[in-house]
Amino acid sequence: MTTPYDKQASPQFQSPDQLLETHLPLIRYHANQLIRRVPDSIEMDDLIDAGVLGLLDGAGRFDPTKNAQFKTFISYRIRGSMIDYLRAFDWMPRSLRDSSKELQQAMSVLEQQYDRPVEEEDVAVHLGISLDEYRNRLMHVRSLSIIYFDDLPQFGNDDDVSSVIDSISGDSDQMPDSQLELSDFTQMLARAITSLPTREKVLISLYYYEELNMKEIALVMDITESRVSQLHSQMVLRLRTRLGLDFPNG
């Protein structure tokens, strides 16, 4: 049975103005999530504008026959549009990309060598820098906590390729092989999160599940806000290493 909420949530029942009125809070939510992780030169209004474009484009592409919730589908489209804007803006300097790659490569080498989660001191010694310098580099690469959608693996053959995001959002045909590969990747991600050091598992839970901000997490974990940011950057580096994700070229 179709409920009034179903009609409100389905794009075919809404004009662009109605869509925007209904989903503007969702756009603002994603903009607020991203603005905390990018340089001050990025304007909130620009992220919101990009999110609006993602909403309108996604509404036109939504296929209710694929058994996907519209809110789930459109969330990926909104966030994806914002990240596309950030990529086009090219706000990450070459030096920052190079530093990020160096940190990740060091972590990859050491985790293979030690077969355990590496400590900060391990990476600092490997790079020939002080612990303070290593933590300073982590602070500078905090914006890389945005894991670009295009970095995630794609599944399928040359004629039928779908990304993790498309598979989750129901935007592409769900072939059995693609779904199996998606399931494998999801399990790999779950294992990577499970293997994180305790502090980083607590951090990922508080930030991404409880949706606390850095200041609130600092109070919960009884550390400074800058220390939370460093641990977050290190957690992202560790997950990217274990998932085999390289940093974008620039």
C-alpha atoms as a PDB file:
ATOM      1  CA  MET A   1       0.000   0.000   0.000  1.00  0.00           C
ATOM      2  CA  THR A   2       1.308   3.457  -0.898  1.00  0.00           C
ATOM      3  CA  THR A   3       1.452   5.872   2.003  1.00  0.00           C
ATOM      4  CA  PRO A   4       1.529   9.682   1.866  1.00  0.00           C
ATOM      5  CA  TYR A   5       5.203   9.482   2.879  1.00  0.00           C
ATOM      6  CA  ASP A   6       5.941   7.198  -0.086  1.00  0.00           C
ATOM      7  CA  LYS A   7       4.435   9.764  -2.428  1.00  0.00           C
ATOM      8  CA  GLN A   8       6.398  12.534  -0.776  1.00  0.00           C
ATOM      9  CA  ALA A   9       9.664  10.583  -0.986  1.00  0.00           C
ATOM     10  CA  SER A  10       9.249   9.429  -4.595  1.00  0.00           C
ATOM     11  CA  PRO A  11      10.665  11.892  -7.126  1.00  0.00           C
ATOM     12  CA  GLN A  12       7.942  11.229  -9.687  1.00  0.00           C
ATOM     13  CA  PHE A  13       5.472  12.927  -7.326  1.00  0.00           C
ATOM     14  CA  GLN A  14       7.561  16.029  -6.727  1.00  0.00           C
ATOM     15  CA  SER A  15       8.551  19.129  -8.655  1.00  0.00           C
ATOM     16  CA  PRO A  16      12.164  20.410  -8.422  1.00  0.00           C
ATOM     17  CA  ASP A  17      11.043  22.952  -5.800  1.00  0.00           C
ATOM     18  CA  GLN A  18       9.334  20.238  -3.765  1.00  0.00           C
ATOM     19  CA  LEU A  19      12.377  17.992  -4.024  1.00  0.00           C
ATOM     20  CA  LEU A  20      14.612  20.781  -2.781  1.00  0.00           C
ATOM     21  CA  GLU A  21      12.291  21.660   0.090  1.00  0.00           C
ATOM     22  CA  THR A  22      12.094  18.011   1.173  1.00  0.00           C
ATOM     23  CA  HIS A  23      15.788  17.161   0.854  1.00  0.00           C
ATOM     24  CA  LEU A  24      17.576  20.433   1.665  1.00  0.00           C
ATOM     25  CA  PRO A  25      18.296  19.223   5.235  1.00  0.00           C
ATOM     26  CA  LEU A  26      19.995  16.144   3.742  1.00  0.00           C
ATOM     27  CA  ILE A  27      22.079  18.358   1.447  1.00  0.00           C
ATOM     28  CA  ARG A  28      23.098  20.549   4.379  1.00  0.00           C
ATOM     29  CA  TYR A  29      23.992  17.469   6.429  1.00  0.00           C
ATOM     30  CA  HIS A  30      26.424  16.189   3.785  1.00  0.00           C
ATOM     31  CA  ALA A  31      27.844  19.677   3.231  1.00  0.00           C
ATOM     32  CA  ASN A  32      28.510  20.000   6.962  1.00  0.00           C
ATOM     33  CA  GLN A  33      30.214  16.595   7.003  1.00  0.00           C
ATOM     34  CA  LEU A  34      32.549  17.555   4.146  1.00  0.00           C
ATOM     35  CA  ILE A  35      33.282  21.171   5.054  1.00  0.00           C
ATOM     36  CA  ARG A  36      35.032  20.043   8.231  1.00  0.00           C
ATOM     37  CA  ARG A  37      37.620  18.145   6.192  1.00  0.00           C
ATOM     38  CA  VAL A  38      38.584  20.620   3.495  1.00  0.00           C
ATOM     39  CA  PRO A  39      40.596  23.882   3.475  1.00  0.00           C
ATOM     40  CA  ASP A  40      38.997  27.196   4.422  1.00  0.00           C
ATOM     41  CA  SER A  41      38.996  28.231   0.754  1.00  0.00           C
ATOM     42  CA  ILE A  42      36.028  25.905   0.136  1.00  0.00           C
ATOM     43  CA  GLU A  43      32.695  27.677   0.654  1.00  0.00           C
ATOM     44  CA  MET A  44      29.716  25.942   2.253  1.00  0.00           C
ATOM     45  CA  ASP A  45      27.348  27.508  -0.290  1.00  0.00           C
ATOM     46  CA  ASP A  46      29.336  25.992  -3.149  1.00  0.00           C
ATOM     47  CA  LEU A  47      29.020  22.523  -1.626  1.00  0.00           C
ATOM     48  CA  ILE A  48      25.285  23.046  -1.169  1.00  0.00           C
ATOM     49  CA  ASP A  49      24.926  24.165  -4.803  1.00  0.00           C
ATOM     50  CA  ALA A  50      26.759  21.027  -5.921  1.00  0.00           C
ATOM     51  CA  GLY A  51      24.481  18.944  -3.701  1.00  0.00           C
ATOM     52  CA  VAL A  52      21.389  20.493  -5.266  1.00  0.00           C
ATOM     53  CA  LEU A  53      22.651  19.493  -8.713  1.00  0.00           C
ATOM     54  CA  GLY A  54      23.234  15.964  -7.427  1.00  0.00           C
ATOM     55  CA  LEU A  55      19.711  15.851  -6.012  1.00  0.00           C
ATOM     56  CA  LEU A  56      18.046  16.960  -9.246  1.00  0.00           C
ATOM     57  CA  ASP A  57      20.196  14.703 -11.415  1.00  0.00           C
ATOM     58  CA  GLY A  58      19.678  11.744  -9.090  1.00  0.00           C
ATOM     59  CA  ALA A  59      15.918  12.245  -8.969  1.00  0.00           C
ATOM     60  CA  GLY A  60      15.820  11.940 -12.746  1.00  0.00           C
ATOM     61  CA  ARG A  61      17.871   8.727 -12.662  1.00  0.00           C
ATOM     62  CA  PHE A  62      16.087   6.991  -9.785  1.00  0.00           C
ATOM     63  CA  ASP A  63      14.497   3.676 -10.709  1.00  0.00           C
ATOM     64  CA  PRO A  64      12.055   2.447  -8.016  1.00  0.00           C
ATOM     65  CA  THR A  65      11.940  -1.010  -9.608  1.00  0.00           C
ATOM     66  CA  LYS A  66      15.465  -1.721  -8.311  1.00  0.00           C
ATOM     67  CA  ASN A  67      14.256  -1.945  -4.716  1.00  0.00           C
ATOM     68  CA  ALA A  68      16.440   0.909  -3.484  1.00  0.00           C
ATOM     69  CA  GLN A  69      15.251   3.476  -0.958  1.00  0.00           C
ATOM     70  CA  PHE A  70      15.155   6.900  -2.577  1.00  0.00           C
ATOM     71  CA  LYS A  71      16.757   8.571   0.454  1.00  0.00           C
ATOM     72  CA  THR A  72      19.664   6.108   0.362  1.00  0.00           C
ATOM     73  CA  PHE A  73      20.077   6.490  -3.387  1.00  0.00           C
ATOM     74  CA  ILE A  74      19.893  10.265  -3.364  1.00  0.00           C
ATOM     75  CA  SER A  75      22.324  10.544  -0.437  1.00  0.00           C
ATOM     76  CA  TYR A  76      25.040   8.958  -2.572  1.00  0.00           C
ATOM     77  CA  ARG A  77      24.161  11.231  -5.493  1.00  0.00           C
ATOM     78  CA  ILE A  78      24.266  14.362  -3.345  1.00  0.00           C
ATOM     79  CA  ARG A  79      27.562  13.483  -1.687  1.00  0.00           C
ATOM     80  CA  GLY A  80      29.026  12.266  -4.975  1.00  0.00           C
ATOM     81  CA  SER A  81      28.180  15.561  -6.659  1.00  0.00           C
ATOM     82  CA  MET A  82      29.880  17.489  -3.851  1.00  0.00           C
ATOM     83  CA  ILE A  83      32.997  15.362  -4.127  1.00  0.00           C
ATOM     84  CA  ASP A  84      33.008  15.798  -7.905  1.00  0.00           C
ATOM     85  CA  TYR A  85      33.023  19.556  -7.265  1.00  0.00           C
ATOM     86  CA  LEU A  86      35.957  19.222  -4.874  1.00  0.00           C
ATOM     87  CA  ARG A  87      37.890  17.147  -7.391  1.00  0.00           C
ATOM     88  CA  ALA A  88      37.271  19.687 -10.140  1.00  0.00           C
ATOM     89  CA  PHE A  89      38.326  22.462  -7.757  1.00  0.00           C
ATOM     90  CA  ASP A  90      41.678  20.687  -7.373  1.00  0.00           C
ATOM     91  CA  TRP A  91      42.249  22.086  -3.902  1.00  0.00           C
ATOM     92  CA  MET A  92      44.928  19.576  -2.908  1.00  0.00           C
ATOM     93  CA  PRO A  93      48.475  20.826  -3.662  1.00  0.00           C
ATOM     94  CA  ARG A  94      50.969  18.473  -5.293  1.00  0.00           C
ATOM     95  CA  SER A  95      53.160  18.610  -2.169  1.00  0.00           C
ATOM     96  CA  LEU A  96      50.271  17.387  -0.031  1.00  0.00           C
ATOM     97  CA  ARG A  97      49.523  14.528  -2.426  1.00  0.00           C
ATOM     98  CA  ASP A  98      53.192  13.513  -2.401  1.00  0.00           C
ATOM     99  CA  SER A  99      53.361  13.636   1.395  1.00  0.00           C
ATOM    100  CA  SER A 100      50.188  11.556   1.669  1.00  0.00           C
ATOM    101  CA  LYS A 101      51.521   8.923  -0.694  1.00  0.00           C
ATOM    102  CA  GLU A 102      54.812   8.771   1.198  1.00  0.00           C
ATOM    103  CA  LEU A 103      53.013   8.176   4.498  1.00  0.00           C
ATOM    104  CA  GLN A 104      50.789   5.489   3.022  1.00  0.00           C
ATOM    105  CA  GLN A 105      53.676   3.722   1.296  1.00  0.00           C
ATOM    106  CA  ALA A 106      55.658   3.704   4.552  1.00  0.00           C
ATOM    107  CA  MET A 107      52.698   2.264   6.430  1.00  0.00           C
ATOM    108  CA  SER A 108      52.185  -0.389   3.751  1.00  0.00           C
ATOM    109  CA  VAL A 109      55.826  -1.506   3.874  1.00  0.00           C
ATOM    110  CA  LEU A 110      55.903  -1.652   7.658  1.00  0.00           C
ATOM    111  CA  GLU A 111      52.606  -3.497   8.074  1.00  0.00           C
ATOM    112  CA  GLN A 112      53.801  -6.163   5.656  1.00  0.00           C
ATOM    113  CA  GLN A 113      57.126  -6.341   7.496  1.00  0.00           C
ATOM    114  CA  TYR A 114      55.723  -6.503  11.035  1.00  0.00           C
ATOM    115  CA  ASP A 115      52.378  -8.209  10.279  1.00  0.00           C
ATOM    116  CA  ARG A 116      50.645  -5.978  12.831  1.00  0.00           C
ATOM    117  CA  PRO A 117      49.204  -2.476  13.057  1.00  0.00           C
ATOM    118  CA  VAL A 118      52.222  -0.176  12.996  1.00  0.00           C
ATOM    119  CA  GLU A 119      52.712   2.481  15.644  1.00  0.00           C
ATOM    120  CA  GLU A 120      53.443   6.148  15.028  1.00  0.00           C
ATOM    121  CA  GLU A 121      57.016   5.673  16.176  1.00  0.00           C
ATOM    122  CA  ASP A 122      57.504   2.887  13.593  1.00  0.00           C
ATOM    123  CA  VAL A 123      56.544   5.159  10.700  1.00  0.00           C
ATOM    124  CA  ALA A 124      58.552   8.110  12.012  1.00  0.00           C
ATOM    125  CA  VAL A 125      61.706   5.995  12.328  1.00  0.00           C
ATOM    126  CA  HIS A 126      61.169   4.486   8.879  1.00  0.00           C
ATOM    127  CA  LEU A 127      60.897   7.961   7.346  1.00  0.00           C
ATOM    128  CA  GLY A 128      63.811   9.319   9.364  1.00  0.00           C
ATOM    129  CA  ILE A 129      61.731  12.064  10.980  1.00  0.00           C
ATOM    130  CA  SER A 130      60.776  12.931  14.547  1.00  0.00           C
ATOM    131  CA  LEU A 131      57.466  11.846  16.070  1.00  0.00           C
ATOM    132  CA  ASP A 132      56.375  15.498  16.189  1.00  0.00           C
ATOM    133  CA  GLU A 133      57.099  15.887  12.463  1.00  0.00           C
ATOM    134  CA  TYR A 134      55.117  12.728  11.679  1.00  0.00           C
ATOM    135  CA  ARG A 135      52.130  14.014  13.639  1.00  0.00           C
ATOM    136  CA  ASN A 136      52.456  17.379  11.919  1.00  0.00           C
ATOM    137  CA  ARG A 137      52.238  15.634   8.544  1.00  0.00           C
ATOM    138  CA  LEU A 138      49.126  13.789   9.702  1.00  0.00           C
ATOM    139  CA  MET A 139      47.533  17.146  10.530  1.00  0.00           C
ATOM    140  CA  HIS A 140      48.280  18.424   7.030  1.00  0.00           C
ATOM    141  CA  VAL A 141      46.748  15.414   5.273  1.00  0.00           C
ATOM    142  CA  ARG A 142      43.544  15.409   7.328  1.00  0.00           C
ATOM    143  CA  SER A 143      41.579  16.532   4.264  1.00  0.00           C
ATOM    144  CA  LEU A 144      42.284  13.118   2.754  1.00  0.00           C
ATOM    145  CA  SER A 145      39.648  11.696   5.065  1.00  0.00           C
ATOM    146  CA  ILE A 146      37.447  12.187   2.027  1.00  0.00           C
ATOM    147  CA  ILE A 147      37.731   8.829   0.301  1.00  0.00           C
ATOM    148  CA  TYR A 148      36.860   9.655  -3.305  1.00  0.00           C
ATOM    149  CA  PHE A 149      34.115   7.533  -4.834  1.00  0.00           C
ATOM    150  CA  ASP A 150      36.256   6.968  -7.918  1.00  0.00           C
ATOM    151  CA  ASP A 151      38.927   5.356  -5.722  1.00  0.00           C
ATOM    152  CA  LEU A 152      36.610   2.490  -4.802  1.00  0.00           C
ATOM    153  CA  PRO A 153      36.904  -0.702  -6.864  1.00  0.00           C
ATOM    154  CA  GLN A 154      34.689  -1.284  -9.877  1.00  0.00           C
ATOM    155  CA  PHE A 155      33.059  -4.626 -10.485  1.00  0.00           C
ATOM    156  CA  GLY A 156      31.868  -6.381 -13.618  1.00  0.00           C
ATOM    157  CA  ASN A 157      33.192  -6.789 -17.139  1.00  0.00           C
ATOM    158  CA  ASP A 158      33.980  -4.185 -19.766  1.00  0.00           C
ATOM    159  CA  ASP A 159      30.384  -4.157 -20.982  1.00  0.00           C
ATOM    160  CA  ASP A 160      28.754  -3.998 -17.572  1.00  0.00           C
ATOM    161  CA  VAL A 161      30.853  -2.184 -15.002  1.00  0.00           C
ATOM    162  CA  SER A 162      29.421  -0.992 -11.703  1.00  0.00           C
ATOM    163  CA  SER A 163      31.118   0.738  -8.801  1.00  0.00           C
ATOM    164  CA  VAL A 164      30.564   0.016  -5.132  1.00  0.00           C
ATOM    165  CA  ILE A 165      28.512   3.171  -4.869  1.00  0.00           C
ATOM    166  CA  ASP A 166      26.344   2.304  -7.883  1.00  0.00           C
ATOM    167  CA  SER A 167      25.747  -1.154  -6.493  1.00  0.00           C
ATOM    168  CA  ILE A 168      24.743   0.134  -3.087  1.00  0.00           C
ATOM    169  CA  SER A 169      22.522   2.855  -4.512  1.00  0.00           C
ATOM    170  CA  GLY A 170      20.862   0.569  -7.035  1.00  0.00           C
ATOM    171  CA  ASP A 171      21.853   2.755  -9.970  1.00  0.00           C
ATOM    172  CA  SER A 172      23.148  -0.023 -12.206  1.00  0.00           C
ATOM    173  CA  ASP A 173      21.974  -3.489 -13.176  1.00  0.00           C
ATOM    174  CA  GLN A 174      22.802  -5.890 -10.401  1.00  0.00           C
ATOM    175  CA  MET A 175      24.535  -8.860 -12.042  1.00  0.00           C
ATOM    176  CA  PRO A 176      25.276 -11.837  -9.733  1.00  0.00           C
ATOM    177  CA  ASP A 177      29.054 -11.656 -10.305  1.00  0.00           C
ATOM    178  CA  SER A 178      29.065  -7.939  -9.504  1.00  0.00           C
ATOM    179  CA  GLN A 179      27.081  -8.508  -6.322  1.00  0.00           C
ATOM    180  CA  LEU A 180      29.449 -11.269  -5.242  1.00  0.00           C
ATOM    181  CA  GLU A 181      32.468  -9.010  -5.745  1.00  0.00           C
ATOM    182  CA  LEU A 182      30.711  -6.218  -3.861  1.00  0.00           C
ATOM    183  CA  SER A 183      30.046  -8.625  -0.995  1.00  0.00           C
ATOM    184  CA  ASP A 184      33.720  -9.625  -0.972  1.00  0.00           C
ATOM    185  CA  PHE A 185      34.806  -5.980  -0.830  1.00  0.00           C
ATOM    186  CA  THR A 186      32.355  -5.228   1.981  1.00  0.00           C
ATOM    187  CA  GLN A 187      33.745  -8.134   3.977  1.00  0.00           C
ATOM    188  CA  MET A 188      37.293  -6.918   3.302  1.00  0.00           C
ATOM    189  CA  LEU A 189      36.347  -3.450   4.579  1.00  0.00           C
ATOM    190  CA  ALA A 190      34.750  -4.961   7.687  1.00  0.00           C
ATOM    191  CA  ARG A 191      37.894  -6.996   8.384  1.00  0.00           C
ATOM    192  CA  ALA A 192      40.071  -3.908   7.907  1.00  0.00           C
ATOM    193  CA  ILE A 193      37.991  -1.948  10.412  1.00  0.00           C
ATOM    194  CA  THR A 194      38.012  -4.847  12.884  1.00  0.00           C
ATOM    195  CA  SER A 195      41.809  -5.021  12.724  1.00  0.00           C
ATOM    196  CA  LEU A 196      42.287  -1.338  13.566  1.00  0.00           C
ATOM    197  CA  PRO A 197      43.988  -0.471  16.870  1.00  0.00           C
ATOM    198  CA  THR A 198      41.505   0.055  19.694  1.00  0.00           C
ATOM    199  CA  ARG A 199      41.724   3.871  19.709  1.00  0.00           C
ATOM    200  CA  GLU A 200      41.076   4.054  15.973  1.00  0.00           C
ATOM    201  CA  LYS A 201      38.100   1.700  16.231  1.00  0.00           C
ATOM    202  CA  VAL A 202      36.653   3.902  18.962  1.00  0.00           C
ATOM    203  CA  LEU A 203      37.285   6.963  16.792  1.00  0.00           C
ATOM    204  CA  ILE A 204      35.609   5.500  13.714  1.00  0.00           C
ATOM    205  CA  SER A 205      32.585   4.539  15.808  1.00  0.00           C
ATOM    206  CA  LEU A 206      32.237   7.949  17.428  1.00  0.00           C
ATOM    207  CA  TYR A 207      32.799   9.921  14.221  1.00  0.00           C
ATOM    208  CA  TYR A 208      30.963   7.895  11.591  1.00  0.00           C
ATOM    209  CA  TYR A 209      28.295   6.065  13.603  1.00  0.00           C
ATOM    210  CA  GLU A 210      27.618   8.349  16.552  1.00  0.00           C
ATOM    211  CA  GLU A 211      28.339  11.389  14.326  1.00  0.00           C
ATOM    212  CA  LEU A 212      30.193  13.332  17.007  1.00  0.00           C
ATOM    213  CA  ASN A 213      32.416  16.176  15.890  1.00  0.00           C
ATOM    214  CA  MET A 214      36.156  16.343  16.599  1.00  0.00           C
ATOM    215  CA  LYS A 215      35.698  18.517  19.697  1.00  0.00           C
ATOM    216  CA  GLU A 216      33.147  16.125  21.186  1.00  0.00           C
ATOM    217  CA  ILE A 217      35.342  13.112  20.428  1.00  0.00           C
ATOM    218  CA  ALA A 218      38.268  14.835  22.127  1.00  0.00           C
ATOM    219  CA  LEU A 219      36.191  15.128  25.307  1.00  0.00           C
ATOM    220  CA  VAL A 220      35.075  11.488  25.151  1.00  0.00           C
ATOM    221  CA  MET A 221      38.591  10.166  24.507  1.00  0.00           C
ATOM    222  CA  ASP A 222      40.226  12.663  26.902  1.00  0.00           C
ATOM    223  CA  ILE A 223      42.728  13.902  24.320  1.00  0.00           C
ATOM    224  CA  THR A 224      43.163  17.164  22.436  1.00  0.00           C
ATOM    225  CA  GLU A 225      41.154  17.981  19.327  1.00  0.00           C
ATOM    226  CA  SER A 226      44.348  18.123  17.245  1.00  0.00           C
ATOM    227  CA  ARG A 227      45.241  14.643  18.492  1.00  0.00           C
ATOM    228  CA  VAL A 228      41.846  13.380  17.343  1.00  0.00           C
ATOM    229  CA  SER A 229      42.541  14.829  13.900  1.00  0.00           C
ATOM    230  CA  GLN A 230      45.939  13.102  13.775  1.00  0.00           C
ATOM    231  CA  LEU A 231      44.470   9.749  14.765  1.00  0.00           C
ATOM    232  CA  HIS A 232      41.718  10.156  12.196  1.00  0.00           C
ATOM    233  CA  SER A 233      44.241  10.801   9.429  1.00  0.00           C
ATOM    234  CA  GLN A 234      46.282   7.803  10.521  1.00  0.00           C
ATOM    235  CA  MET A 235      43.156   5.629  10.576  1.00  0.00           C
ATOM    236  CA  VAL A 236      42.299   6.661   7.023  1.00  0.00           C
ATOM    237  CA  LEU A 237      45.851   5.940   5.854  1.00  0.00           C
ATOM    238  CA  ARG A 238      45.711   2.529   7.502  1.00  0.00           C
ATOM    239  CA  LEU A 239      42.358   1.620   5.923  1.00  0.00           C
ATOM    240  CA  ARG A 240      43.440   2.806   2.477  1.00  0.00           C
ATOM    241  CA  THR A 241      46.587   0.710   2.777  1.00  0.00           C
ATOM    242  CA  ARG A 242      44.679  -2.427   3.738  1.00  0.00           C
ATOM    243  CA  LEU A 243      42.090  -1.909   0.995  1.00  0.00           C
ATOM    244  CA  GLY A 244      44.770  -1.322  -1.633  1.00  0.00           C
ATOM    245  CA  LEU A 245      43.542   2.199  -2.431  1.00  0.00           C
ATOM    246  CA  ASP A 246      46.096   4.561  -3.924  1.00  0.00           C
ATOM    247  CA  PHE A 247      45.786   8.303  -3.537  1.00  0.00           C
ATOM    248  CA  PRO A 248      44.440  10.232  -6.535  1.00  0.00           C
ATOM    249  CA  ASN A 249      47.032  11.544  -8.938  1.00  0.00           C
ATOM    250  CA  GLY A 250      47.274  15.258  -9.439  1.00  0.00           C
END
